[in-house]
Amino acid sequence: MSTQAADNGIISVQSHRPVAETADRLEALLKSKSIIVFARLDFAADAQKAGLKLQPSQLLIFGNPRAGTPLMQAVPTAALDLPLKVLIWEDADKKVWLSYNAVDYLQGRHHASGALMKPLAGVSALVEAVVQ
């Protein structure tokens, strides 16, 4: 069971694994479903290279052109939020979270139809599968 919170269009689901392990699990799940992982950014490692300190934090950028392209064809500004992203981060209390944009928030932001947004809705199931 995960702890979930929503704030300003951002959904956060708690993981009971460390950031790197949670990110590894998400990346493996995406690849197993033939979803393209375009990038994996390790913000804490980059901060450390710059002589700065940051709580563990990684961002996975992923998608499927068959899902995103029709949306971008209809609403070009949707490309600001595509490909999809999930941020895996540790808070000050050492709790780990997976945060992503709620599909209904993106739909409202870009005034897109429900049919165009439907392929993006699977992000919540992916996140829930990772925290199990």
N, C-alpha and C. Protein backbone atom coordinates (compact mmCIF):
# COMPACT_ATOMS: atom_id res chain seq x y z
N MET A 1 0.84 -1.18 0.00
CA MET A 1 0.00 0.00 0.00
C MET A 1 0.88 1.24 0.00
N SER A 2 0.56 2.19 -0.82
CA SER A 2 1.37 3.40 -0.91
C SER A 2 0.64 4.57 -0.27
N THR A 3 1.42 5.53 0.19
CA THR A 3 0.86 6.79 0.63
C THR A 3 0.88 7.71 -0.56
N GLN A 4 -0.25 8.36 -0.84
CA GLN A 4 -0.34 9.19 -2.02
C GLN A 4 -0.87 10.56 -1.62
N ALA A 5 -0.33 11.59 -2.24
CA ALA A 5 -0.79 12.95 -2.01
C ALA A 5 -0.81 13.67 -3.35
N ALA A 6 -1.74 14.62 -3.50
CA ALA A 6 -1.80 15.42 -4.73
C ALA A 6 -1.74 16.89 -4.35
N ASP A 7 -0.96 17.66 -5.10
CA ASP A 7 -0.84 19.08 -4.83
C ASP A 7 -0.55 19.82 -6.13
N ASN A 8 -1.44 20.74 -6.50
CA ASN A 8 -1.24 21.59 -7.66
C ASN A 8 -0.91 20.79 -8.92
N GLY A 9 -1.64 19.71 -9.12
CA GLY A 9 -1.43 18.89 -10.31
C GLY A 9 -0.30 17.90 -10.21
N ILE A 10 0.35 17.85 -9.06
CA ILE A 10 1.46 16.90 -8.85
C ILE A 10 0.98 15.79 -7.94
N ILE A 11 1.12 14.57 -8.40
CA ILE A 11 0.77 13.41 -7.58
C ILE A 11 2.07 12.83 -7.05
N SER A 12 2.10 12.57 -5.75
CA SER A 12 3.29 11.97 -5.11
C SER A 12 2.87 10.70 -4.41
N VAL A 13 3.61 9.64 -4.69
CA VAL A 13 3.34 8.33 -4.12
C VAL A 13 4.60 7.89 -3.38
N GLN A 14 4.42 7.45 -2.15
CA GLN A 14 5.57 7.07 -1.33
C GLN A 14 6.11 5.69 -1.71
N SER A 15 7.43 5.60 -1.75
CA SER A 15 8.11 4.33 -1.95
C SER A 15 8.79 3.94 -0.65
N HIS A 16 8.92 2.66 -0.41
CA HIS A 16 9.61 2.20 0.81
C HIS A 16 11.00 1.67 0.47
N ARG A 17 11.50 2.08 -0.69
CA ARG A 17 12.85 1.71 -1.12
C ARG A 17 13.66 3.00 -1.31
N PRO A 18 14.98 2.89 -1.30
CA PRO A 18 15.82 4.07 -1.55
C PRO A 18 15.60 4.63 -2.96
N VAL A 19 16.00 5.87 -3.17
CA VAL A 19 15.81 6.54 -4.45
C VAL A 19 16.38 5.73 -5.61
N ALA A 20 17.64 5.34 -5.53
CA ALA A 20 18.28 4.64 -6.65
C ALA A 20 17.57 3.33 -6.97
N GLU A 21 17.20 2.59 -5.94
CA GLU A 21 16.51 1.31 -6.17
C GLU A 21 15.13 1.54 -6.78
N THR A 22 14.44 2.55 -6.30
CA THR A 22 13.12 2.89 -6.85
C THR A 22 13.25 3.29 -8.31
N ALA A 23 14.24 4.12 -8.63
CA ALA A 23 14.47 4.55 -10.01
C ALA A 23 14.84 3.35 -10.89
N ASP A 24 15.66 2.45 -10.36
CA ASP A 24 16.03 1.24 -11.11
C ASP A 24 14.78 0.42 -11.44
N ARG A 25 13.90 0.28 -10.45
CA ARG A 25 12.68 -0.51 -10.65
C ARG A 25 11.78 0.13 -11.71
N LEU A 26 11.65 1.46 -11.65
CA LEU A 26 10.83 2.14 -12.65
C LEU A 26 11.44 2.00 -14.03
N GLU A 27 12.74 2.20 -14.14
CA GLU A 27 13.40 2.08 -15.44
C GLU A 27 13.24 0.68 -16.01
N ALA A 28 13.41 -0.34 -15.20
CA ALA A 28 13.25 -1.73 -15.66
C ALA A 28 11.81 -2.00 -16.10
N LEU A 29 10.85 -1.49 -15.35
CA LEU A 29 9.45 -1.69 -15.71
C LEU A 29 9.13 -1.02 -17.05
N LEU A 30 9.59 0.21 -17.21
CA LEU A 30 9.35 0.92 -18.47
C LEU A 30 9.93 0.14 -19.65
N LYS A 31 11.17 -0.28 -19.51
CA LYS A 31 11.83 -1.02 -20.60
C LYS A 31 11.12 -2.35 -20.88
N SER A 32 10.62 -3.00 -19.83
CA SER A 32 9.92 -4.28 -20.03
C SER A 32 8.62 -4.10 -20.81
N LYS A 33 8.08 -2.88 -20.80
CA LYS A 33 6.85 -2.57 -21.53
C LYS A 33 7.13 -1.85 -22.84
N SER A 34 8.40 -1.88 -23.27
CA SER A 34 8.84 -1.25 -24.52
C SER A 34 8.54 0.25 -24.55
N ILE A 35 8.60 0.87 -23.38
CA ILE A 35 8.46 2.32 -23.28
C ILE A 35 9.87 2.89 -23.31
N ILE A 36 10.08 3.88 -24.15
CA ILE A 36 11.41 4.46 -24.33
C ILE A 36 11.79 5.30 -23.12
N VAL A 37 12.96 5.01 -22.55
CA VAL A 37 13.53 5.85 -21.49
C VAL A 37 14.51 6.79 -22.20
N PHE A 38 14.11 8.04 -22.31
CA PHE A 38 14.92 9.01 -23.03
C PHE A 38 16.10 9.50 -22.20
N ALA A 39 15.91 9.59 -20.88
CA ALA A 39 16.99 10.07 -20.02
C ALA A 39 16.70 9.70 -18.58
N ARG A 40 17.79 9.58 -17.83
CA ARG A 40 17.71 9.40 -16.38
C ARG A 40 18.73 10.38 -15.79
N LEU A 41 18.22 11.36 -15.08
CA LEU A 41 19.06 12.39 -14.49
C LEU A 41 19.21 12.16 -13.01
N ASP A 42 20.43 12.21 -12.53
CA ASP A 42 20.72 12.07 -11.10
C ASP A 42 21.11 13.46 -10.59
N PHE A 43 20.13 14.19 -10.09
CA PHE A 43 20.36 15.56 -9.66
C PHE A 43 21.34 15.65 -8.50
N ALA A 44 21.26 14.71 -7.56
CA ALA A 44 22.16 14.74 -6.40
C ALA A 44 23.60 14.53 -6.84
N ALA A 45 23.82 13.61 -7.77
CA ALA A 45 25.19 13.37 -8.27
C ALA A 45 25.72 14.60 -9.00
N ASP A 46 24.85 15.23 -9.79
CA ASP A 46 25.27 16.44 -10.51
C ASP A 46 25.58 17.57 -9.52
N ALA A 47 24.77 17.69 -8.48
CA ALA A 47 25.02 18.71 -7.46
C ALA A 47 26.36 18.46 -6.78
N GLN A 48 26.62 17.19 -6.46
CA GLN A 48 27.88 16.83 -5.81
C GLN A 48 29.08 17.20 -6.68
N LYS A 49 28.98 16.97 -7.98
CA LYS A 49 30.05 17.33 -8.91
C LYS A 49 30.31 18.83 -8.91
N ALA A 50 29.28 19.61 -8.59
CA ALA A 50 29.40 21.07 -8.54
C ALA A 50 29.78 21.56 -7.15
N GLY A 51 30.05 20.60 -6.23
CA GLY A 51 30.42 20.98 -4.88
C GLY A 51 29.24 21.35 -4.00
N LEU A 52 28.04 20.91 -4.40
CA LEU A 52 26.81 21.22 -3.66
C LEU A 52 26.20 19.94 -3.11
N LYS A 53 25.32 20.10 -2.14
CA LYS A 53 24.66 18.94 -1.53
C LYS A 53 23.17 19.01 -1.83
N LEU A 54 22.64 17.86 -2.20
CA LEU A 54 21.21 17.74 -2.50
C LEU A 54 20.75 16.36 -2.05
N GLN A 55 19.57 16.30 -1.46
CA GLN A 55 18.99 15.01 -1.08
C GLN A 55 18.93 14.14 -2.34
N PRO A 56 19.00 12.81 -2.21
CA PRO A 56 18.89 11.94 -3.38
C PRO A 56 17.66 12.31 -4.22
N SER A 57 17.87 12.45 -5.52
CA SER A 57 16.82 12.90 -6.41
C SER A 57 17.18 12.50 -7.84
N GLN A 58 16.29 11.73 -8.48
CA GLN A 58 16.51 11.31 -9.88
C GLN A 58 15.24 11.52 -10.67
N LEU A 59 15.40 11.86 -11.93
CA LEU A 59 14.28 12.10 -12.83
C LEU A 59 14.38 11.15 -14.01
N LEU A 60 13.31 10.42 -14.27
CA LEU A 60 13.23 9.58 -15.47
C LEU A 60 12.31 10.27 -16.47
N ILE A 61 12.78 10.37 -17.71
CA ILE A 61 12.02 10.98 -18.79
C ILE A 61 11.75 9.85 -19.79
N PHE A 62 10.47 9.62 -20.08
CA PHE A 62 10.11 8.45 -20.86
C PHE A 62 8.83 8.68 -21.66
N GLY A 63 8.60 7.82 -22.63
CA GLY A 63 7.36 7.92 -23.37
C GLY A 63 7.29 6.95 -24.52
N ASN A 64 6.22 7.13 -25.26
CA ASN A 64 5.94 6.31 -26.43
C ASN A 64 5.42 7.25 -27.51
N PRO A 65 6.12 7.40 -28.61
CA PRO A 65 5.67 8.32 -29.66
C PRO A 65 4.24 8.05 -30.12
N ARG A 66 3.79 6.80 -30.07
CA ARG A 66 2.42 6.50 -30.47
C ARG A 66 1.40 7.13 -29.52
N ALA A 67 1.78 7.34 -28.28
CA ALA A 67 0.88 7.96 -27.31
C ALA A 67 0.98 9.48 -27.34
N GLY A 68 2.19 10.00 -27.42
CA GLY A 68 2.39 11.44 -27.31
C GLY A 68 2.21 12.22 -28.59
N THR A 69 2.55 11.62 -29.72
CA THR A 69 2.52 12.37 -30.99
C THR A 69 1.12 12.87 -31.35
N PRO A 70 0.07 12.04 -31.24
CA PRO A 70 -1.27 12.56 -31.57
C PRO A 70 -1.65 13.76 -30.68
N LEU A 71 -1.27 13.72 -29.43
CA LEU A 71 -1.55 14.84 -28.54
C LEU A 71 -0.80 16.09 -29.00
N MET A 72 0.48 15.93 -29.33
CA MET A 72 1.26 17.08 -29.78
C MET A 72 0.80 17.60 -31.14
N GLN A 73 0.27 16.72 -31.99
CA GLN A 73 -0.28 17.16 -33.27
C GLN A 73 -1.50 18.04 -33.04
N ALA A 74 -2.34 17.66 -32.10
CA ALA A 74 -3.56 18.41 -31.82
C ALA A 74 -3.30 19.66 -30.98
N VAL A 75 -2.36 19.54 -30.05
CA VAL A 75 -2.07 20.63 -29.12
C VAL A 75 -0.55 20.76 -29.00
N PRO A 76 0.08 21.52 -29.88
CA PRO A 76 1.54 21.60 -29.88
C PRO A 76 2.16 21.97 -28.54
N THR A 77 1.49 22.76 -27.71
CA THR A 77 2.07 23.14 -26.41
C THR A 77 2.18 21.97 -25.45
N ALA A 78 1.51 20.87 -25.75
CA ALA A 78 1.63 19.69 -24.89
C ALA A 78 3.07 19.19 -24.86
N ALA A 79 3.84 19.54 -25.88
CA ALA A 79 5.25 19.13 -25.92
C ALA A 79 6.05 19.72 -24.77
N LEU A 80 5.52 20.75 -24.12
CA LEU A 80 6.18 21.29 -22.92
C LEU A 80 6.17 20.26 -21.79
N ASP A 81 5.18 19.38 -21.79
CA ASP A 81 5.04 18.40 -20.72
C ASP A 81 5.32 16.97 -21.17
N LEU A 82 5.69 16.80 -22.42
CA LEU A 82 6.03 15.49 -22.95
C LEU A 82 7.49 15.50 -23.38
N PRO A 83 8.17 14.38 -23.29
CA PRO A 83 7.71 13.11 -22.76
C PRO A 83 7.38 13.21 -21.27
N LEU A 84 6.76 12.15 -20.79
CA LEU A 84 6.39 12.10 -19.37
C LEU A 84 7.63 12.04 -18.50
N LYS A 85 7.44 12.46 -17.26
CA LYS A 85 8.54 12.47 -16.30
C LYS A 85 8.05 11.96 -14.96
N VAL A 86 8.91 11.23 -14.27
CA VAL A 86 8.66 10.87 -12.88
C VAL A 86 9.91 11.25 -12.10
N LEU A 87 9.71 12.03 -11.06
CA LEU A 87 10.79 12.43 -10.17
C LEU A 87 10.78 11.51 -8.96
N ILE A 88 11.91 10.90 -8.67
CA ILE A 88 12.06 10.06 -7.48
C ILE A 88 12.98 10.83 -6.55
N TRP A 89 12.47 11.16 -5.35
CA TRP A 89 13.22 12.06 -4.48
C TRP A 89 13.02 11.71 -3.01
N GLU A 90 13.98 12.13 -2.22
CA GLU A 90 13.95 11.87 -0.78
C GLU A 90 13.70 13.19 -0.07
N ASP A 91 12.74 13.20 0.86
CA ASP A 91 12.44 14.42 1.60
C ASP A 91 13.31 14.54 2.85
N ALA A 92 13.13 15.59 3.61
CA ALA A 92 13.95 15.85 4.78
C ALA A 92 13.79 14.78 5.86
N ASP A 93 12.67 14.05 5.83
CA ASP A 93 12.43 12.97 6.80
C ASP A 93 12.90 11.62 6.29
N LYS A 94 13.64 11.62 5.18
CA LYS A 94 14.19 10.41 4.55
C LYS A 94 13.11 9.53 3.91
N LYS A 95 11.93 10.08 3.68
CA LYS A 95 10.90 9.35 2.94
C LYS A 95 11.17 9.55 1.46
N VAL A 96 10.92 8.50 0.69
CA VAL A 96 11.15 8.54 -0.76
C VAL A 96 9.80 8.62 -1.46
N TRP A 97 9.75 9.49 -2.48
CA TRP A 97 8.52 9.76 -3.22
C TRP A 97 8.75 9.64 -4.72
N LEU A 98 7.73 9.23 -5.43
CA LEU A 98 7.68 9.31 -6.88
C LEU A 98 6.62 10.37 -7.19
N SER A 99 7.01 11.42 -7.88
CA SER A 99 6.09 12.50 -8.20
C SER A 99 5.98 12.66 -9.71
N TYR A 100 4.74 12.94 -10.16
CA TYR A 100 4.49 13.12 -11.58
C TYR A 100 3.28 14.02 -11.77
N ASN A 101 3.13 14.54 -12.97
CA ASN A 101 1.98 15.40 -13.27
C ASN A 101 0.72 14.56 -13.44
N ALA A 102 -0.35 14.98 -12.78
CA ALA A 102 -1.65 14.32 -12.94
C ALA A 102 -2.15 14.54 -14.36
N VAL A 103 -2.68 13.49 -14.95
CA VAL A 103 -3.16 13.57 -16.33
C VAL A 103 -4.29 14.59 -16.45
N ASP A 104 -5.19 14.65 -15.47
CA ASP A 104 -6.27 15.63 -15.56
C ASP A 104 -5.74 17.06 -15.48
N TYR A 105 -4.67 17.26 -14.75
CA TYR A 105 -4.02 18.58 -14.71
C TYR A 105 -3.47 18.94 -16.09
N LEU A 106 -2.77 17.98 -16.72
CA LEU A 106 -2.22 18.22 -18.06
C LEU A 106 -3.34 18.46 -19.06
N GLN A 107 -4.42 17.72 -18.93
CA GLN A 107 -5.55 17.88 -19.83
C GLN A 107 -6.11 19.29 -19.73
N GLY A 108 -6.30 19.77 -18.50
CA GLY A 108 -6.80 21.12 -18.30
C GLY A 108 -5.81 22.18 -18.75
N ARG A 109 -4.56 21.94 -18.48
CA ARG A 109 -3.52 22.90 -18.86
C ARG A 109 -3.47 23.12 -20.37
N HIS A 110 -3.64 22.03 -21.12
CA HIS A 110 -3.50 22.12 -22.57
C HIS A 110 -4.85 22.07 -23.30
N HIS A 111 -5.95 22.01 -22.56
CA HIS A 111 -7.29 21.97 -23.15
C HIS A 111 -7.40 20.86 -24.18
N ALA A 112 -6.93 19.69 -23.80
CA ALA A 112 -6.94 18.53 -24.70
C ALA A 112 -8.13 17.64 -24.39
N SER A 113 -8.54 16.88 -25.37
CA SER A 113 -9.67 15.96 -25.18
C SER A 113 -9.25 14.78 -24.32
N GLY A 114 -10.23 14.17 -23.69
CA GLY A 114 -9.98 12.99 -22.88
C GLY A 114 -9.41 11.85 -23.71
N ALA A 115 -9.85 11.75 -24.96
CA ALA A 115 -9.35 10.68 -25.83
C ALA A 115 -7.86 10.83 -26.09
N LEU A 116 -7.40 12.06 -26.26
CA LEU A 116 -5.97 12.28 -26.49
C LEU A 116 -5.14 12.03 -25.24
N MET A 117 -5.74 12.25 -24.08
CA MET A 117 -5.02 12.10 -22.82
C MET A 117 -5.00 10.66 -22.32
N LYS A 118 -5.96 9.87 -22.78
CA LYS A 118 -6.09 8.49 -22.27
C LYS A 118 -4.80 7.68 -22.32
N PRO A 119 -4.02 7.73 -23.40
CA PRO A 119 -2.78 6.93 -23.43
C PRO A 119 -1.76 7.35 -22.36
N LEU A 120 -1.86 8.57 -21.86
CA LEU A 120 -0.92 9.03 -20.84
C LEU A 120 -1.32 8.58 -19.44
N ALA A 121 -2.56 8.17 -19.28
CA ALA A 121 -3.09 7.83 -17.96
C ALA A 121 -2.39 6.63 -17.32
N GLY A 122 -1.70 5.84 -18.10
CA GLY A 122 -1.02 4.66 -17.58
C GLY A 122 0.13 4.97 -16.63
N VAL A 123 0.55 6.22 -16.57
CA VAL A 123 1.67 6.57 -15.68
C VAL A 123 1.34 6.23 -14.24
N SER A 124 0.10 6.42 -13.82
CA SER A 124 -0.25 6.12 -12.42
C SER A 124 -0.12 4.63 -12.13
N ALA A 125 -0.51 3.78 -13.05
CA ALA A 125 -0.38 2.34 -12.85
C ALA A 125 1.09 1.93 -12.80
N LEU A 126 1.92 2.56 -13.61
CA LEU A 126 3.34 2.26 -13.59
C LEU A 126 3.94 2.61 -12.23
N VAL A 127 3.61 3.79 -11.74
CA VAL A 127 4.14 4.22 -10.43
C VAL A 127 3.66 3.29 -9.33
N GLU A 128 2.38 2.94 -9.34
CA GLU A 128 1.85 2.04 -8.31
C GLU A 128 2.54 0.68 -8.37
N ALA A 129 2.83 0.19 -9.57
CA ALA A 129 3.51 -1.10 -9.70
C ALA A 129 4.91 -1.04 -9.11
N VAL A 130 5.58 0.08 -9.26
CA VAL A 130 6.95 0.24 -8.74
C VAL A 130 6.98 0.23 -7.22
N VAL A 131 5.96 0.80 -6.58
CA VAL A 131 6.00 0.90 -5.11
C VAL A 131 5.47 -0.35 -4.42
N GLN A 132 4.98 -1.31 -5.17
CA GLN A 132 4.48 -2.56 -4.57
C GLN A 132 5.62 -3.41 -4.06
